[in-house]
Amino acid sequence: MVSRLTLFLKSTVAKMTMTLEQTRQAIIDRMQSFTGITQDRIQYPNLPGFNVPKDGVWCRLTIAGGPSFT
């Protein structure tokens, strides 16, 4: 069974613009603060040497590109 966890960023500043790099870093920071799974079971983008656990749950963080909202 495959489950998907979607994390949405909350902005407290209206009409705040972010660069793509700032957005990417904010997503990674949010995932690093997530306590629902241990960090050694999260595969981050471009992280070398991740080994998929033989048992239990694990997840892969994928940041998919898309069009700008501006």
PDB file of N, CA and C in Angstrom:
ATOM      1  N   MET A   1       0.845  -1.175   0.000  1.00  0.00           N
ATOM      2  CA  MET A   1       0.000   0.000   0.000  1.00  0.00           C
ATOM      3  C   MET A   1       0.892   1.240   0.000  1.00  0.00           C
ATOM      4  N   VAL A   2       0.569   2.168  -0.838  1.00  0.00           N
ATOM      5  CA  VAL A   2       1.329   3.413  -0.944  1.00  0.00           C
ATOM      6  C   VAL A   2       0.479   4.543  -0.384  1.00  0.00           C
ATOM      7  N   SER A   3       1.071   5.309   0.504  1.00  0.00           N
ATOM      8  CA  SER A   3       0.394   6.479   1.064  1.00  0.00           C
ATOM      9  C   SER A   3       1.176   7.712   0.667  1.00  0.00           C
ATOM     10  N   ARG A   4       0.515   8.820   0.619  1.00  0.00           N
ATOM     11  CA  ARG A   4       1.171  10.069   0.254  1.00  0.00           C
ATOM     12  C   ARG A   4       0.919  11.087   1.355  1.00  0.00           C
ATOM     13  N   LEU A   5       1.991  11.718   1.788  1.00  0.00           N
ATOM     14  CA  LEU A   5       1.921  12.781   2.775  1.00  0.00           C
ATOM     15  C   LEU A   5       2.226  14.083   2.059  1.00  0.00           C
ATOM     16  N   THR A   6       1.313  15.025   2.132  1.00  0.00           N
ATOM     17  CA  THR A   6       1.515  16.314   1.488  1.00  0.00           C
ATOM     18  C   THR A   6       1.641  17.372   2.569  1.00  0.00           C
ATOM     19  N   LEU A   7       2.745  18.090   2.545  1.00  0.00           N
ATOM     20  CA  LEU A   7       2.968  19.168   3.498  1.00  0.00           C
ATOM     21  C   LEU A   7       2.793  20.498   2.782  1.00  0.00           C
ATOM     22  N   PHE A   8       1.973  21.358   3.342  1.00  0.00           N
ATOM     23  CA  PHE A   8       1.753  22.674   2.764  1.00  0.00           C
ATOM     24  C   PHE A   8       2.453  23.714   3.628  1.00  0.00           C
ATOM     25  N   LEU A   9       3.083  24.662   2.982  1.00  0.00           N
ATOM     26  CA  LEU A   9       3.761  25.730   3.703  1.00  0.00           C
ATOM     27  C   LEU A   9       2.768  26.817   4.066  1.00  0.00           C
ATOM     28  N   LYS A  10       2.837  27.286   5.307  1.00  0.00           N
ATOM     29  CA  LYS A  10       1.988  28.388   5.737  1.00  0.00           C
ATOM     30  C   LYS A  10       2.803  29.667   5.713  1.00  0.00           C
ATOM     31  N   SER A  11       2.289  30.670   5.081  1.00  0.00           N
ATOM     32  CA  SER A  11       2.967  31.960   5.044  1.00  0.00           C
ATOM     33  C   SER A  11       2.187  32.933   5.914  1.00  0.00           C
ATOM     34  N   THR A  12       2.894  33.622   6.792  1.00  0.00           N
ATOM     35  CA  THR A  12       2.236  34.616   7.638  1.00  0.00           C
ATOM     36  C   THR A  12       2.291  35.998   7.017  1.00  0.00           C
ATOM     37  N   VAL A  13       2.961  36.123   5.899  1.00  0.00           N
ATOM     38  CA  VAL A  13       3.088  37.404   5.217  1.00  0.00           C
ATOM     39  C   VAL A  13       2.337  37.325   3.894  1.00  0.00           C
ATOM     40  N   ALA A  14       1.398  38.230   3.696  1.00  0.00           N
ATOM     41  CA  ALA A  14       0.623  38.235   2.457  1.00  0.00           C
ATOM     42  C   ALA A  14       1.494  38.687   1.294  1.00  0.00           C
ATOM     43  N   LYS A  15       1.315  38.060   0.155  1.00  0.00           N
ATOM     44  CA  LYS A  15       2.016  38.410  -1.078  1.00  0.00           C
ATOM     45  C   LYS A  15       3.535  38.337  -0.926  1.00  0.00           C
ATOM     46  N   MET A  16       3.993  37.370  -0.148  1.00  0.00           N
ATOM     47  CA  MET A  16       5.430  37.183   0.015  1.00  0.00           C
ATOM     48  C   MET A  16       5.938  36.340  -1.147  1.00  0.00           C
ATOM     49  N   THR A  17       6.977  36.783  -1.807  1.00  0.00           N
ATOM     50  CA  THR A  17       7.528  36.004  -2.903  1.00  0.00           C
ATOM     51  C   THR A  17       8.795  35.307  -2.444  1.00  0.00           C
ATOM     52  N   MET A  18       8.997  34.111  -2.978  1.00  0.00           N
ATOM     53  CA  MET A  18      10.172  33.318  -2.644  1.00  0.00           C
ATOM     54  C   MET A  18      10.834  32.871  -3.938  1.00  0.00           C
ATOM     55  N   THR A  19      12.133  32.752  -3.898  1.00  0.00           N
ATOM     56  CA  THR A  19      12.825  32.165  -5.038  1.00  0.00           C
ATOM     57  C   THR A  19      12.600  30.656  -4.996  1.00  0.00           C
ATOM     58  N   LEU A  20      12.907  29.982  -6.093  1.00  0.00           N
ATOM     59  CA  LEU A  20      12.760  28.528  -6.120  1.00  0.00           C
ATOM     60  C   LEU A  20      13.672  27.871  -5.087  1.00  0.00           C
ATOM     61  N   GLU A  21      14.858  28.410  -4.898  1.00  0.00           N
ATOM     62  CA  GLU A  21      15.786  27.857  -3.901  1.00  0.00           C
ATOM     63  C   GLU A  21      15.252  28.048  -2.486  1.00  0.00           C
ATOM     64  N   GLN A  22      14.659  29.209  -2.201  1.00  0.00           N
ATOM     65  CA  GLN A  22      14.069  29.443  -0.883  1.00  0.00           C
ATOM     66  C   GLN A  22      12.896  28.501  -0.642  1.00  0.00           C
ATOM     67  N   THR A  23      12.114  28.268  -1.670  1.00  0.00           N
ATOM     68  CA  THR A  23      10.986  27.350  -1.558  1.00  0.00           C
ATOM     69  C   THR A  23      11.473  25.933  -1.302  1.00  0.00           C
ATOM     70  N   ARG A  24      12.484  25.508  -2.044  1.00  0.00           N
ATOM     71  CA  ARG A  24      13.045  24.167  -1.865  1.00  0.00           C
ATOM     72  C   ARG A  24      13.570  23.994  -0.443  1.00  0.00           C
ATOM     73  N   GLN A  25      14.282  24.993   0.048  1.00  0.00           N
ATOM     74  CA  GLN A  25      14.838  24.905   1.396  1.00  0.00           C
ATOM     75  C   GLN A  25      13.741  24.908   2.450  1.00  0.00           C
ATOM     76  N   ALA A  26      12.673  25.673   2.242  1.00  0.00           N
ATOM     77  CA  ALA A  26      11.554  25.701   3.186  1.00  0.00           C
ATOM     78  C   ALA A  26      10.872  24.336   3.260  1.00  0.00           C
ATOM     79  N   ILE A  27      10.732  23.666   2.128  1.00  0.00           N
ATOM     80  CA  ILE A  27      10.128  22.330   2.106  1.00  0.00           C
ATOM     81  C   ILE A  27      11.010  21.346   2.869  1.00  0.00           C
ATOM     82  N   ILE A  28      12.312  21.399   2.632  1.00  0.00           N
ATOM     83  CA  ILE A  28      13.230  20.494   3.327  1.00  0.00           C
ATOM     84  C   ILE A  28      13.243  20.795   4.828  1.00  0.00           C
ATOM     85  N   ASP A  29      13.254  22.072   5.207  1.00  0.00           N
ATOM     86  CA  ASP A  29      13.215  22.442   6.626  1.00  0.00           C
ATOM     87  C   ASP A  29      11.952  21.910   7.291  1.00  0.00           C
ATOM     88  N   ARG A  30      10.839  22.012   6.595  1.00  0.00           N
ATOM     89  CA  ARG A  30       9.567  21.522   7.137  1.00  0.00           C
ATOM     90  C   ARG A  30       9.615  20.005   7.330  1.00  0.00           C
ATOM     91  N   MET A  31      10.182  19.299   6.372  1.00  0.00           N
ATOM     92  CA  MET A  31      10.279  17.844   6.483  1.00  0.00           C
ATOM     93  C   MET A  31      11.228  17.450   7.606  1.00  0.00           C
ATOM     94  N   GLN A  32      12.295  18.209   7.806  1.00  0.00           N
ATOM     95  CA  GLN A  32      13.237  17.905   8.880  1.00  0.00           C
ATOM     96  C   GLN A  32      12.626  18.135  10.259  1.00  0.00           C
ATOM     97  N   SER A  33      11.625  18.992  10.359  1.00  0.00           N
ATOM     98  CA  SER A  33      10.955  19.225  11.637  1.00  0.00           C
ATOM     99  C   SER A  33       9.779  18.272  11.852  1.00  0.00           C
ATOM    100  N   PHE A  34       9.449  17.480  10.851  1.00  0.00           N
ATOM    101  CA  PHE A  34       8.340  16.523  10.935  1.00  0.00           C
ATOM    102  C   PHE A  34       8.723  15.393  11.878  1.00  0.00           C
ATOM    103  N   THR A  35       7.879  15.108  12.867  1.00  0.00           N
ATOM    104  CA  THR A  35       8.195  14.093  13.869  1.00  0.00           C
ATOM    105  C   THR A  35       7.422  12.796  13.678  1.00  0.00           C
ATOM    106  N   GLY A  36       6.675  12.674  12.602  1.00  0.00           N
ATOM    107  CA  GLY A  36       5.873  11.476  12.370  1.00  0.00           C
ATOM    108  C   GLY A  36       6.673  10.272  11.908  1.00  0.00           C
ATOM    109  N   ILE A  37       7.936  10.467  11.541  1.00  0.00           N
ATOM    110  CA  ILE A  37       8.809   9.385  11.105  1.00  0.00           C
ATOM    111  C   ILE A  37      10.242   9.802  11.436  1.00  0.00           C
ATOM    112  N   THR A  38      11.072   8.829  11.798  1.00  0.00           N
ATOM    113  CA  THR A  38      12.450   9.180  12.145  1.00  0.00           C
ATOM    114  C   THR A  38      13.208   9.624  10.903  1.00  0.00           C
ATOM    115  N   GLN A  39      14.150  10.529  11.097  1.00  0.00           N
ATOM    116  CA  GLN A  39      14.870  11.131   9.971  1.00  0.00           C
ATOM    117  C   GLN A  39      15.685  10.124   9.171  1.00  0.00           C
ATOM    118  N   ASP A  40      16.126   9.040   9.803  1.00  0.00           N
ATOM    119  CA  ASP A  40      16.911   8.050   9.059  1.00  0.00           C
ATOM    120  C   ASP A  40      16.055   7.209   8.121  1.00  0.00           C
ATOM    121  N   ARG A  41      14.740   7.413   8.153  1.00  0.00           N
ATOM    122  CA  ARG A  41      13.825   6.701   7.259  1.00  0.00           C
ATOM    123  C   ARG A  41      13.265   7.613   6.172  1.00  0.00           C
ATOM    124  N   ILE A  42      13.847   8.799   6.035  1.00  0.00           N
ATOM    125  CA  ILE A  42      13.424   9.754   5.008  1.00  0.00           C
ATOM    126  C   ILE A  42      14.529   9.877   3.973  1.00  0.00           C
ATOM    127  N   GLN A  43      14.182   9.629   2.727  1.00  0.00           N
ATOM    128  CA  GLN A  43      15.144   9.810   1.637  1.00  0.00           C
ATOM    129  C   GLN A  43      14.948  11.214   1.076  1.00  0.00           C
ATOM    130  N   TYR A  44      15.951  12.064   1.291  1.00  0.00           N
ATOM    131  CA  TYR A  44      15.911  13.429   0.785  1.00  0.00           C
ATOM    132  C   TYR A  44      16.483  13.475  -0.628  1.00  0.00           C
ATOM    133  N   PRO A  45      16.103  14.469  -1.432  1.00  0.00           N
ATOM    134  CA  PRO A  45      16.657  14.583  -2.785  1.00  0.00           C
ATOM    135  C   PRO A  45      18.182  14.708  -2.746  1.00  0.00           C
ATOM    136  N   ASN A  46      18.823  14.001  -3.638  1.00  0.00           N
ATOM    137  CA  ASN A  46      20.281  14.054  -3.803  1.00  0.00           C
ATOM    138  C   ASN A  46      21.063  13.612  -2.570  1.00  0.00           C
ATOM    139  N   LEU A  47      20.430  12.860  -1.669  1.00  0.00           N
ATOM    140  CA  LEU A  47      21.136  12.350  -0.498  1.00  0.00           C
ATOM    141  C   LEU A  47      21.825  11.045  -0.870  1.00  0.00           C
ATOM    142  N   PRO A  48      23.153  11.044  -0.871  1.00  0.00           N
ATOM    143  CA  PRO A  48      23.858   9.818  -1.252  1.00  0.00           C
ATOM    144  C   PRO A  48      23.815   8.783  -0.130  1.00  0.00           C
ATOM    145  N   GLY A  49      23.806   7.527  -0.517  1.00  0.00           N
ATOM    146  CA  GLY A  49      23.940   6.451   0.449  1.00  0.00           C
ATOM    147  C   GLY A  49      22.700   6.102   1.243  1.00  0.00           C
ATOM    148  N   PHE A  50      21.515   6.489   0.791  1.00  0.00           N
ATOM    149  CA  PHE A  50      20.303   6.103   1.511  1.00  0.00           C
ATOM    150  C   PHE A  50      20.017   4.636   1.236  1.00  0.00           C
ATOM    151  N   ASN A  51      19.815   3.876   2.299  1.00  0.00           N
ATOM    152  CA  ASN A  51      19.456   2.465   2.167  1.00  0.00           C
ATOM    153  C   ASN A  51      18.019   2.282   2.610  1.00  0.00           C
ATOM    154  N   VAL A  52      17.209   1.699   1.741  1.00  0.00           N
ATOM    155  CA  VAL A  52      15.806   1.460   2.063  1.00  0.00           C
ATOM    156  C   VAL A  52      15.739   0.422   3.178  1.00  0.00           C
ATOM    157  N   PRO A  53      15.042   0.728   4.284  1.00  0.00           N
ATOM    158  CA  PRO A  53      14.931  -0.235   5.380  1.00  0.00           C
ATOM    159  C   PRO A  53      14.226  -1.517   4.922  1.00  0.00           C
ATOM    160  N   LYS A  54      14.647  -2.651   5.482  1.00  0.00           N
ATOM    161  CA  LYS A  54      14.047  -3.931   5.113  1.00  0.00           C
ATOM    162  C   LYS A  54      12.646  -4.088   5.689  1.00  0.00           C
ATOM    163  N   ASP A  55      12.364  -3.434   6.801  1.00  0.00           N
ATOM    164  CA  ASP A  55      11.031  -3.526   7.395  1.00  0.00           C
ATOM    165  C   ASP A  55      10.604  -2.147   7.893  1.00  0.00           C
ATOM    166  N   GLY A  56       9.328  -1.996   8.128  1.00  0.00           N
ATOM    167  CA  GLY A  56       8.801  -0.724   8.599  1.00  0.00           C
ATOM    168  C   GLY A  56       8.576   0.267   7.462  1.00  0.00           C
ATOM    169  N   VAL A  57       8.112   1.430   7.841  1.00  0.00           N
ATOM    170  CA  VAL A  57       7.804   2.459   6.847  1.00  0.00           C
ATOM    171  C   VAL A  57       9.013   3.346   6.591  1.00  0.00           C
ATOM    172  N   TRP A  58       9.044   3.935   5.423  1.00  0.00           N
ATOM    173  CA  TRP A  58      10.045   4.921   5.047  1.00  0.00           C
ATOM    174  C   TRP A  58       9.393   5.830   4.024  1.00  0.00           C
ATOM    175  N   CYS A  59       9.984   6.957   3.745  1.00  0.00           N
ATOM    176  CA  CYS A  59       9.407   7.855   2.747  1.00  0.00           C
ATOM    177  C   CYS A  59      10.502   8.516   1.928  1.00  0.00           C
ATOM    178  N   ARG A  60      10.123   9.002   0.777  1.00  0.00           N
ATOM    179  CA  ARG A  60      11.025   9.714  -0.128  1.00  0.00           C
ATOM    180  C   ARG A  60      10.440  11.104  -0.346  1.00  0.00           C
ATOM    181  N   LEU A  61      11.238  12.123  -0.097  1.00  0.00           N
ATOM    182  CA  LEU A  61      10.811  13.497  -0.356  1.00  0.00           C
ATOM    183  C   LEU A  61      11.128  13.829  -1.805  1.00  0.00           C
ATOM    184  N   THR A  62      10.102  14.133  -2.558  1.00  0.00           N
ATOM    185  CA  THR A  62      10.263  14.513  -3.955  1.00  0.00           C
ATOM    186  C   THR A  62       9.696  15.917  -4.123  1.00  0.00           C
ATOM    187  N   ILE A  63      10.510  16.814  -4.611  1.00  0.00           N
ATOM    188  CA  ILE A  63      10.063  18.179  -4.865  1.00  0.00           C
ATOM    189  C   ILE A  63       9.891  18.309  -6.370  1.00  0.00           C
ATOM    190  N   ALA A  64       8.648  18.285  -6.801  1.00  0.00           N
ATOM    191  CA  ALA A  64       8.344  18.339  -8.231  1.00  0.00           C
ATOM    192  C   ALA A  64       8.243  19.794  -8.675  1.00  0.00           C
ATOM    193  N   GLY A  65       8.852  20.097  -9.783  1.00  0.00           N
ATOM    194  CA  GLY A  65       8.785  21.448 -10.329  1.00  0.00           C
ATOM    195  C   GLY A  65       7.417  21.731 -10.932  1.00  0.00           C
ATOM    196  N   GLY A  66       7.140  22.967 -11.108  1.00  0.00           N
ATOM    197  CA  GLY A  66       5.869  23.358 -11.696  1.00  0.00           C
ATOM    198  C   GLY A  66       5.912  24.812 -12.120  1.00  0.00           C
ATOM    199  N   PRO A  67       4.806  25.296 -12.663  1.00  0.00           N
ATOM    200  CA  PRO A  67       4.774  26.684 -13.113  1.00  0.00           C
ATOM    201  C   PRO A  67       4.735  27.653 -11.930  1.00  0.00           C
ATOM    202  N   SER A  68       5.165  28.856 -12.182  1.00  0.00           N
ATOM    203  CA  SER A  68       5.141  29.897 -11.169  1.00  0.00           C
ATOM    204  C   SER A  68       3.709  30.369 -10.952  1.00  0.00           C
ATOM    205  N   PHE A  69       3.424  30.836  -9.740  1.00  0.00           N
ATOM    206  CA  PHE A  69       2.089  31.339  -9.423  1.00  0.00           C
ATOM    207  C   PHE A  69       1.990  32.844  -9.582  1.00  0.00           C
ATOM    208  N   THR A  70       3.017  33.476 -10.121  1.00  0.00           N
ATOM    209  CA  THR A  70       2.994  34.936 -10.216  1.00  0.00           C
ATOM    210  C   THR A  70       2.211  35.396 -11.419  1.00  0.00           C
TER     211      THR A  70
END
